[in-house]
């Protein structure tokens, strides 16, 4: 198994194959060559996604997986966690949006080479958008080692962005993560966020800035109708980076 391979649960395998979870349990019992768990727990094991895809393909069981589902599986099973994956995706989509030619050039090399070159390119893109590294910048530049496990995900996210746009792609992946893990986050529903922004007069005349002192994933700031400046505070560094990239 490749080091730091993306992992997938039995439910994820079922979605990939277009079957129910009972079928996956049956395959594990009946096929000695079914991939062995690499993580999770005894009652909820996880498997290496590349090994699972290879087995399903060899067995003729791999359904035609929509790009959105494939990218989501890569993000949700990221070895460093979904929030880190969202930060890496947000950084990459920022580069895709601002310098599409540079992105195309970077992706024309091996994954290993791409991780190193991409880190340098992201450093410049993040500095242009958020200022120089350090000084409390919300989005630090991921280095080569951090980016390497994310490269297949980033390639897929950029491909999805070519179909749906960078902003919609990021909102889809973030929304899917929040929907899949509601107990991990304190969320403000979109309708309520819009109402709160309206009651606060966020789009009114003379309003130049909006501050959310507990920004979370940025729902309230995203609902503010175009003030000159958006400011947020968040104690979780990962969520702070996600929110900054969401609003970039």
C-alpha atoms as a PDB file:
ATOM      1  CA  UNK A   1       0.000   0.000   0.000  1.00  0.00           C
ATOM      2  CA  UNK A   2       1.353   3.465  -0.831  1.00  0.00           C
ATOM      3  CA  UNK A   3       2.379   5.462   2.210  1.00  0.00           C
ATOM      4  CA  UNK A   4      -0.314   7.919   3.346  1.00  0.00           C
ATOM      5  CA  UNK A   5      -2.885   6.376   1.006  1.00  0.00           C
ATOM      6  CA  UNK A   6      -6.417   7.730   1.157  1.00  0.00           C
ATOM      7  CA  UNK A   7      -8.709   5.476   3.183  1.00  0.00           C
ATOM      8  CA  UNK A   8     -12.338   4.556   2.550  1.00  0.00           C
ATOM      9  CA  UNK A   9     -14.990   2.919   4.723  1.00  0.00           C
ATOM     10  CA  UNK A  10     -17.318   0.071   3.796  1.00  0.00           C
ATOM     11  CA  UNK A  11     -20.030   2.637   3.086  1.00  0.00           C
ATOM     12  CA  UNK A  12     -17.671   4.427   0.726  1.00  0.00           C
ATOM     13  CA  UNK A  13     -16.842   1.155  -1.041  1.00  0.00           C
ATOM     14  CA  UNK A  14     -20.560   0.527  -1.479  1.00  0.00           C
ATOM     15  CA  UNK A  15     -20.975   3.926  -3.137  1.00  0.00           C
ATOM     16  CA  UNK A  16     -18.017   3.292  -5.425  1.00  0.00           C
ATOM     17  CA  UNK A  17     -19.458  -0.032  -6.544  1.00  0.00           C
ATOM     18  CA  UNK A  18     -23.076   1.080  -6.641  1.00  0.00           C
ATOM     19  CA  UNK A  19     -24.204  -1.598  -4.164  1.00  0.00           C
ATOM     20  CA  UNK A  20     -25.452  -1.814  -0.596  1.00  0.00           C
ATOM     21  CA  UNK A  21     -23.205  -2.222   2.437  1.00  0.00           C
ATOM     22  CA  UNK A  22     -24.370  -5.822   2.857  1.00  0.00           C
ATOM     23  CA  UNK A  23     -22.740  -6.669  -0.479  1.00  0.00           C
ATOM     24  CA  UNK A  24     -19.414  -5.270   0.734  1.00  0.00           C
ATOM     25  CA  UNK A  25     -19.620  -7.388   3.898  1.00  0.00           C
ATOM     26  CA  UNK A  26     -20.356 -10.413   1.735  1.00  0.00           C
ATOM     27  CA  UNK A  27     -17.317  -9.735  -0.485  1.00  0.00           C
ATOM     28  CA  UNK A  28     -15.084  -9.543   2.575  1.00  0.00           C
ATOM     29  CA  UNK A  29     -16.289 -12.960   3.743  1.00  0.00           C
ATOM     30  CA  UNK A  30     -16.243 -14.719   0.378  1.00  0.00           C
ATOM     31  CA  UNK A  31     -13.101 -13.328  -1.277  1.00  0.00           C
ATOM     32  CA  UNK A  32      -9.763 -14.069   0.362  1.00  0.00           C
ATOM     33  CA  UNK A  33      -8.062 -11.449  -1.813  1.00  0.00           C
ATOM     34  CA  UNK A  34     -10.334  -8.613  -0.681  1.00  0.00           C
ATOM     35  CA  UNK A  35      -8.135  -5.767   0.664  1.00  0.00           C
ATOM     36  CA  UNK A  36      -7.351  -5.957   4.363  1.00  0.00           C
ATOM     37  CA  UNK A  37      -8.280  -3.077   6.682  1.00  0.00           C
ATOM     38  CA  UNK A  38      -5.576  -0.472   7.209  1.00  0.00           C
ATOM     39  CA  UNK A  39      -7.303   1.640   9.851  1.00  0.00           C
ATOM     40  CA  UNK A  40     -10.529   2.410  11.631  1.00  0.00           C
ATOM     41  CA  UNK A  41     -11.896   0.009  14.227  1.00  0.00           C
ATOM     42  CA  UNK A  42     -12.957  -3.631  14.299  1.00  0.00           C
ATOM     43  CA  UNK A  43     -16.601  -2.646  13.862  1.00  0.00           C
ATOM     44  CA  UNK A  44     -15.923   0.179  11.410  1.00  0.00           C
ATOM     45  CA  UNK A  45     -12.734  -0.610   9.468  1.00  0.00           C
ATOM     46  CA  UNK A  46     -11.209   1.526   6.744  1.00  0.00           C
ATOM     47  CA  UNK A  47      -9.381   0.355   3.641  1.00  0.00           C
ATOM     48  CA  UNK A  48      -6.764   1.829   1.311  1.00  0.00           C
ATOM     49  CA  UNK A  49      -8.680   3.453  -1.544  1.00  0.00           C
ATOM     50  CA  UNK A  50      -6.128   2.529  -4.280  1.00  0.00           C
ATOM     51  CA  UNK A  51      -6.258  -1.150  -3.217  1.00  0.00           C
ATOM     52  CA  UNK A  52     -10.050  -1.116  -3.140  1.00  0.00           C
ATOM     53  CA  UNK A  53     -10.329   0.476  -6.575  1.00  0.00           C
ATOM     54  CA  UNK A  54      -7.861  -2.058  -7.983  1.00  0.00           C
ATOM     55  CA  UNK A  55      -9.797  -4.990  -6.503  1.00  0.00           C
ATOM     56  CA  UNK A  56     -13.154  -3.688  -7.714  1.00  0.00           C
ATOM     57  CA  UNK A  57     -11.733  -3.097 -11.179  1.00  0.00           C
ATOM     58  CA  UNK A  58     -10.225  -6.610 -11.338  1.00  0.00           C
ATOM     59  CA  UNK A  59     -13.561  -8.072 -10.249  1.00  0.00           C
ATOM     60  CA  UNK A  60     -15.535  -5.991 -12.741  1.00  0.00           C
ATOM     61  CA  UNK A  61     -17.441  -4.390  -9.883  1.00  0.00           C
ATOM     62  CA  UNK A  62     -16.246  -0.782 -10.158  1.00  0.00           C
ATOM     63  CA  UNK A  63     -19.139   1.443 -11.132  1.00  0.00           C
ATOM     64  CA  UNK A  64     -18.645   4.542 -13.247  1.00  0.00           C
ATOM     65  CA  UNK A  65     -17.919   6.879 -10.356  1.00  0.00           C
ATOM     66  CA  UNK A  66     -18.982  10.508 -10.869  1.00  0.00           C
ATOM     67  CA  UNK A  67     -16.085  12.926 -10.548  1.00  0.00           C
ATOM     68  CA  UNK A  68     -17.738  14.704  -7.611  1.00  0.00           C
ATOM     69  CA  UNK A  69     -18.011  11.414  -5.690  1.00  0.00           C
ATOM     70  CA  UNK A  70     -14.432  10.406  -6.453  1.00  0.00           C
ATOM     71  CA  UNK A  71     -13.061  13.754  -5.260  1.00  0.00           C
ATOM     72  CA  UNK A  72     -15.210  13.592  -2.141  1.00  0.00           C
ATOM     73  CA  UNK A  73     -13.955  10.092  -1.305  1.00  0.00           C
ATOM     74  CA  UNK A  74     -10.370  11.298  -1.652  1.00  0.00           C
ATOM     75  CA  UNK A  75     -11.065  14.270   0.613  1.00  0.00           C
ATOM     76  CA  UNK A  76     -13.026  12.422   3.300  1.00  0.00           C
ATOM     77  CA  UNK A  77     -10.401   9.661   3.509  1.00  0.00           C
ATOM     78  CA  UNK A  78      -7.355  11.933   3.467  1.00  0.00           C
ATOM     79  CA  UNK A  79      -4.639  10.573   5.793  1.00  0.00           C
ATOM     80  CA  UNK A  80      -4.178  13.964   7.463  1.00  0.00           C
ATOM     81  CA  UNK A  81      -7.916  14.511   7.940  1.00  0.00           C
ATOM     82  CA  UNK A  82     -10.651  16.249   5.985  1.00  0.00           C
ATOM     83  CA  UNK A  83      -9.938  19.752   7.317  1.00  0.00           C
ATOM     84  CA  UNK A  84      -6.313  19.579   6.172  1.00  0.00           C
ATOM     85  CA  UNK A  85      -7.534  18.268   2.827  1.00  0.00           C
ATOM     86  CA  UNK A  86      -9.968  21.195   2.534  1.00  0.00           C
ATOM     87  CA  UNK A  87      -7.140  23.638   3.233  1.00  0.00           C
ATOM     88  CA  UNK A  88      -4.974  22.059   0.534  1.00  0.00           C
ATOM     89  CA  UNK A  89      -7.874  22.063  -1.937  1.00  0.00           C
ATOM     90  CA  UNK A  90      -8.656  25.693  -1.150  1.00  0.00           C
ATOM     91  CA  UNK A  91      -5.035  26.687  -1.736  1.00  0.00           C
ATOM     92  CA  UNK A  92      -4.928  24.802  -5.037  1.00  0.00           C
ATOM     93  CA  UNK A  93      -8.219  26.278  -6.252  1.00  0.00           C
ATOM     94  CA  UNK A  94      -6.948  29.749  -5.400  1.00  0.00           C
ATOM     95  CA  UNK A  95      -4.014  29.103  -7.733  1.00  0.00           C
ATOM     96  CA  UNK A  96      -6.295  27.575 -10.392  1.00  0.00           C
ATOM     97  CA  UNK A  97      -8.502  30.667 -10.278  1.00  0.00           C
ATOM     98  CA  UNK A  98      -5.692  33.215 -10.318  1.00  0.00           C
ATOM     99  CA  UNK A  99      -3.122  31.493 -12.548  1.00  0.00           C
ATOM    100  CA  UNK A 100      -4.695  28.724 -14.656  1.00  0.00           C
ATOM    101  CA  UNK A 101      -1.703  28.586 -16.992  1.00  0.00           C
ATOM    102  CA  UNK A 102       0.670  28.092 -14.058  1.00  0.00           C
ATOM    103  CA  UNK A 103      -1.556  25.330 -12.711  1.00  0.00           C
ATOM    104  CA  UNK A 104      -1.570  23.493 -16.040  1.00  0.00           C
ATOM    105  CA  UNK A 105       2.218  23.653 -16.187  1.00  0.00           C
ATOM    106  CA  UNK A 106       2.590  22.395 -12.621  1.00  0.00           C
ATOM    107  CA  UNK A 107       0.287  19.420 -13.178  1.00  0.00           C
ATOM    108  CA  UNK A 108       2.233  18.196 -16.202  1.00  0.00           C
ATOM    109  CA  UNK A 109       4.823  16.420 -14.041  1.00  0.00           C
ATOM    110  CA  UNK A 110       4.896  13.441 -11.666  1.00  0.00           C
ATOM    111  CA  UNK A 111       3.069  13.626  -8.344  1.00  0.00           C
ATOM    112  CA  UNK A 112       6.342  13.796  -6.420  1.00  0.00           C
ATOM    113  CA  UNK A 113       7.694  16.629  -8.541  1.00  0.00           C
ATOM    114  CA  UNK A 114       4.346  18.410  -8.529  1.00  0.00           C
ATOM    115  CA  UNK A 115       4.229  18.532  -4.721  1.00  0.00           C
ATOM    116  CA  UNK A 116       7.508  20.454  -4.540  1.00  0.00           C
ATOM    117  CA  UNK A 117       6.750  22.876  -7.356  1.00  0.00           C
ATOM    118  CA  UNK A 118       3.212  23.421  -6.112  1.00  0.00           C
ATOM    119  CA  UNK A 119       4.401  24.447  -2.656  1.00  0.00           C
ATOM    120  CA  UNK A 120       6.466  27.246  -4.179  1.00  0.00           C
ATOM    121  CA  UNK A 121       3.599  28.390  -6.398  1.00  0.00           C
ATOM    122  CA  UNK A 122       1.136  28.342  -3.512  1.00  0.00           C
ATOM    123  CA  UNK A 123       3.481  30.410  -1.391  1.00  0.00           C
ATOM    124  CA  UNK A 124       3.320  33.180  -3.993  1.00  0.00           C
ATOM    125  CA  UNK A 125      -0.453  32.886  -4.503  1.00  0.00           C
ATOM    126  CA  UNK A 126      -1.166  32.944  -0.773  1.00  0.00           C
ATOM    127  CA  UNK A 127       1.156  35.905  -0.252  1.00  0.00           C
ATOM    128  CA  UNK A 128      -0.649  37.828  -2.996  1.00  0.00           C
ATOM    129  CA  UNK A 129      -4.037  37.171  -1.392  1.00  0.00           C
ATOM    130  CA  UNK A 130      -3.315  37.126   2.344  1.00  0.00           C
ATOM    131  CA  UNK A 131       0.034  38.851   2.716  1.00  0.00           C
ATOM    132  CA  UNK A 132       3.479  37.429   3.516  1.00  0.00           C
ATOM    133  CA  UNK A 133       3.867  34.277   5.581  1.00  0.00           C
ATOM    134  CA  UNK A 134       3.976  34.718   9.321  1.00  0.00           C
ATOM    135  CA  UNK A 135       2.430  37.589  11.257  1.00  0.00           C
ATOM    136  CA  UNK A 136      -0.572  35.433  12.108  1.00  0.00           C
ATOM    137  CA  UNK A 137      -1.603  34.714   8.514  1.00  0.00           C
ATOM    138  CA  UNK A 138      -4.623  32.419   8.583  1.00  0.00           C
ATOM    139  CA  UNK A 139      -3.413  30.169   5.762  1.00  0.00           C
ATOM    140  CA  UNK A 140       0.176  28.908   6.078  1.00  0.00           C
ATOM    141  CA  UNK A 141       1.909  27.532   2.995  1.00  0.00           C
ATOM    142  CA  UNK A 142       1.857  23.711   2.968  1.00  0.00           C
ATOM    143  CA  UNK A 143       5.258  22.209   2.231  1.00  0.00           C
ATOM    144  CA  UNK A 144       6.124  19.421  -0.192  1.00  0.00           C
ATOM    145  CA  UNK A 145       5.764  16.607   2.358  1.00  0.00           C
ATOM    146  CA  UNK A 146       2.359  17.889   3.442  1.00  0.00           C
ATOM    147  CA  UNK A 147       1.128  18.252  -0.141  1.00  0.00           C
ATOM    148  CA  UNK A 148       2.326  14.921  -1.523  1.00  0.00           C
ATOM    149  CA  UNK A 149      -0.582  12.803  -0.158  1.00  0.00           C
ATOM    150  CA  UNK A 150      -2.989  15.451  -1.494  1.00  0.00           C
ATOM    151  CA  UNK A 151      -1.794  15.544  -5.104  1.00  0.00           C
ATOM    152  CA  UNK A 152      -4.360  13.071  -6.541  1.00  0.00           C
ATOM    153  CA  UNK A 153      -7.101  14.950  -4.679  1.00  0.00           C
ATOM    154  CA  UNK A 154      -5.893  18.310  -5.978  1.00  0.00           C
ATOM    155  CA  UNK A 155      -5.778  17.065  -9.551  1.00  0.00           C
ATOM    156  CA  UNK A 156      -9.353  15.826  -9.197  1.00  0.00           C
ATOM    157  CA  UNK A 157     -10.557  19.022  -7.516  1.00  0.00           C
ATOM    158  CA  UNK A 158      -9.104  21.122 -10.338  1.00  0.00           C
ATOM    159  CA  UNK A 159     -10.807  18.863 -12.876  1.00  0.00           C
ATOM    160  CA  UNK A 160     -14.091  19.331 -11.029  1.00  0.00           C
ATOM    161  CA  UNK A 161     -13.520  23.097 -10.928  1.00  0.00           C
ATOM    162  CA  UNK A 162     -13.165  23.096 -14.716  1.00  0.00           C
ATOM    163  CA  UNK A 163     -16.755  21.812 -14.824  1.00  0.00           C
ATOM    164  CA  UNK A 164     -18.336  23.687 -11.921  1.00  0.00           C
ATOM    165  CA  UNK A 165     -16.071  26.649 -11.155  1.00  0.00           C
ATOM    166  CA  UNK A 166     -13.641  27.041  -8.280  1.00  0.00           C
ATOM    167  CA  UNK A 167     -16.077  28.617  -5.812  1.00  0.00           C
ATOM    168  CA  UNK A 168     -18.872  26.094  -6.361  1.00  0.00           C
ATOM    169  CA  UNK A 169     -16.372  23.237  -6.133  1.00  0.00           C
ATOM    170  CA  UNK A 170     -15.088  24.425  -2.771  1.00  0.00           C
ATOM    171  CA  UNK A 171     -18.591  25.059  -1.440  1.00  0.00           C
ATOM    172  CA  UNK A 172     -19.641  21.559  -2.516  1.00  0.00           C
ATOM    173  CA  UNK A 173     -16.715  19.855  -0.766  1.00  0.00           C
ATOM    174  CA  UNK A 174     -17.034  21.969   2.378  1.00  0.00           C
ATOM    175  CA  UNK A 175     -20.793  21.463   2.487  1.00  0.00           C
ATOM    176  CA  UNK A 176     -20.410  17.711   2.040  1.00  0.00           C
ATOM    177  CA  UNK A 177     -17.934  17.575   4.923  1.00  0.00           C
ATOM    178  CA  UNK A 178     -20.239  19.573   7.196  1.00  0.00           C
ATOM    179  CA  UNK A 179     -23.279  17.474   6.275  1.00  0.00           C
ATOM    180  CA  UNK A 180     -21.382  14.232   6.865  1.00  0.00           C
ATOM    181  CA  UNK A 181     -20.080  15.287  10.295  1.00  0.00           C
ATOM    182  CA  UNK A 182     -22.713  17.547  11.916  1.00  0.00           C
ATOM    183  CA  UNK A 183     -21.590  16.788  15.472  1.00  0.00           C
ATOM    184  CA  UNK A 184     -18.066  18.030  14.841  1.00  0.00           C
ATOM    185  CA  UNK A 185     -19.086  21.594  14.029  1.00  0.00           C
ATOM    186  CA  UNK A 186     -21.324  24.347  15.373  1.00  0.00           C
ATOM    187  CA  UNK A 187     -23.174  25.398  12.246  1.00  0.00           C
ATOM    188  CA  UNK A 188     -25.343  28.357  11.307  1.00  0.00           C
ATOM    189  CA  UNK A 189     -27.905  27.372   8.644  1.00  0.00           C
ATOM    190  CA  UNK A 190     -27.643  29.481   5.449  1.00  0.00           C
ATOM    191  CA  UNK A 191     -31.111  30.997   5.870  1.00  0.00           C
ATOM    192  CA  UNK A 192     -30.395  32.037   9.449  1.00  0.00           C
ATOM    193  CA  UNK A 193     -26.987  33.414   8.456  1.00  0.00           C
ATOM    194  CA  UNK A 194     -28.598  35.568   5.763  1.00  0.00           C
ATOM    195  CA  UNK A 195     -31.210  36.827   8.227  1.00  0.00           C
ATOM    196  CA  UNK A 196     -28.565  37.695  10.822  1.00  0.00           C
ATOM    197  CA  UNK A 197     -26.504  39.547   8.211  1.00  0.00           C
ATOM    198  CA  UNK A 198     -29.602  41.469   7.132  1.00  0.00           C
ATOM    199  CA  UNK A 199     -30.578  42.364  10.702  1.00  0.00           C
ATOM    200  CA  UNK A 200     -27.028  43.542  11.362  1.00  0.00           C
ATOM    201  CA  UNK A 201     -27.269  45.828   8.346  1.00  0.00           C
ATOM    202  CA  UNK A 202     -24.190  44.219   6.820  1.00  0.00           C
ATOM    203  CA  UNK A 203     -25.091  45.458   3.356  1.00  0.00           C
ATOM    204  CA  UNK A 204     -26.363  48.847   4.424  1.00  0.00           C
ATOM    205  CA  UNK A 205     -24.949  52.213   3.341  1.00  0.00           C
ATOM    206  CA  UNK A 206     -21.794  53.218   5.139  1.00  0.00           C
ATOM    207  CA  UNK A 207     -21.020  49.692   6.364  1.00  0.00           C
ATOM    208  CA  UNK A 208     -17.388  49.114   5.474  1.00  0.00           C
ATOM    209  CA  UNK A 209     -16.471  46.079   7.539  1.00  0.00           C
ATOM    210  CA  UNK A 210     -18.117  43.054   9.108  1.00  0.00           C
ATOM    211  CA  UNK A 211     -16.526  41.149  12.016  1.00  0.00           C
ATOM    212  CA  UNK A 212     -17.493  37.697  13.259  1.00  0.00           C
ATOM    213  CA  UNK A 213     -15.617  37.008  16.524  1.00  0.00           C
ATOM    214  CA  UNK A 214     -16.381  33.266  16.344  1.00  0.00           C
ATOM    215  CA  UNK A 215     -16.287  32.618  12.609  1.00  0.00           C
ATOM    216  CA  UNK A 216     -16.311  28.814  12.539  1.00  0.00           C
ATOM    217  CA  UNK A 217     -16.589  27.833   8.874  1.00  0.00           C
ATOM    218  CA  UNK A 218     -17.517  31.362   7.786  1.00  0.00           C
ATOM    219  CA  UNK A 219     -21.277  31.019   7.235  1.00  0.00           C
ATOM    220  CA  UNK A 220     -22.131  34.476   8.602  1.00  0.00           C
ATOM    221  CA  UNK A 221     -19.314  36.215   6.762  1.00  0.00           C
ATOM    222  CA  UNK A 222     -20.222  34.423   3.528  1.00  0.00           C
ATOM    223  CA  UNK A 223     -23.794  35.698   3.913  1.00  0.00           C
ATOM    224  CA  UNK A 224     -22.720  39.337   4.251  1.00  0.00           C
ATOM    225  CA  UNK A 225     -23.749  41.073   0.989  1.00  0.00           C
ATOM    226  CA  UNK A 226     -20.482  42.507  -0.212  1.00  0.00           C
ATOM    227  CA  UNK A 227     -19.023  44.864   2.401  1.00  0.00           C
ATOM    228  CA  UNK A 228     -15.588  46.328   1.807  1.00  0.00           C
ATOM    229  CA  UNK A 229     -13.914  44.141   4.416  1.00  0.00           C
ATOM    230  CA  UNK A 230     -14.667  40.825   6.111  1.00  0.00           C
ATOM    231  CA  UNK A 231     -12.945  39.965   9.386  1.00  0.00           C
ATOM    232  CA  UNK A 232     -13.200  36.807  11.420  1.00  0.00           C
ATOM    233  CA  UNK A 233     -11.676  35.257  14.515  1.00  0.00           C
ATOM    234  CA  UNK A 234     -11.523  31.501  15.063  1.00  0.00           C
ATOM    235  CA  UNK A 235      -9.671  29.529  17.727  1.00  0.00           C
ATOM    236  CA  UNK A 236      -9.285  26.424  15.527  1.00  0.00           C
ATOM    237  CA  UNK A 237      -6.401  27.053  13.075  1.00  0.00           C
ATOM    238  CA  UNK A 238      -7.770  24.567  10.547  1.00  0.00           C
ATOM    239  CA  UNK A 239     -11.224  26.140  10.453  1.00  0.00           C
ATOM    240  CA  UNK A 240      -9.670  29.612  10.320  1.00  0.00           C
ATOM    241  CA  UNK A 241      -7.748  28.587   7.195  1.00  0.00           C
ATOM    242  CA  UNK A 242     -10.842  26.996   5.623  1.00  0.00           C
ATOM    243  CA  UNK A 243     -12.873  30.155   6.256  1.00  0.00           C
ATOM    244  CA  UNK A 244     -10.176  32.421   4.835  1.00  0.00           C
ATOM    245  CA  UNK A 245      -9.986  30.313   1.673  1.00  0.00           C
ATOM    246  CA  UNK A 246     -13.779  30.126   1.418  1.00  0.00           C
ATOM    247  CA  UNK A 247     -13.981  33.917   1.407  1.00  0.00           C
ATOM    248  CA  UNK A 248     -10.889  34.501  -0.765  1.00  0.00           C
END
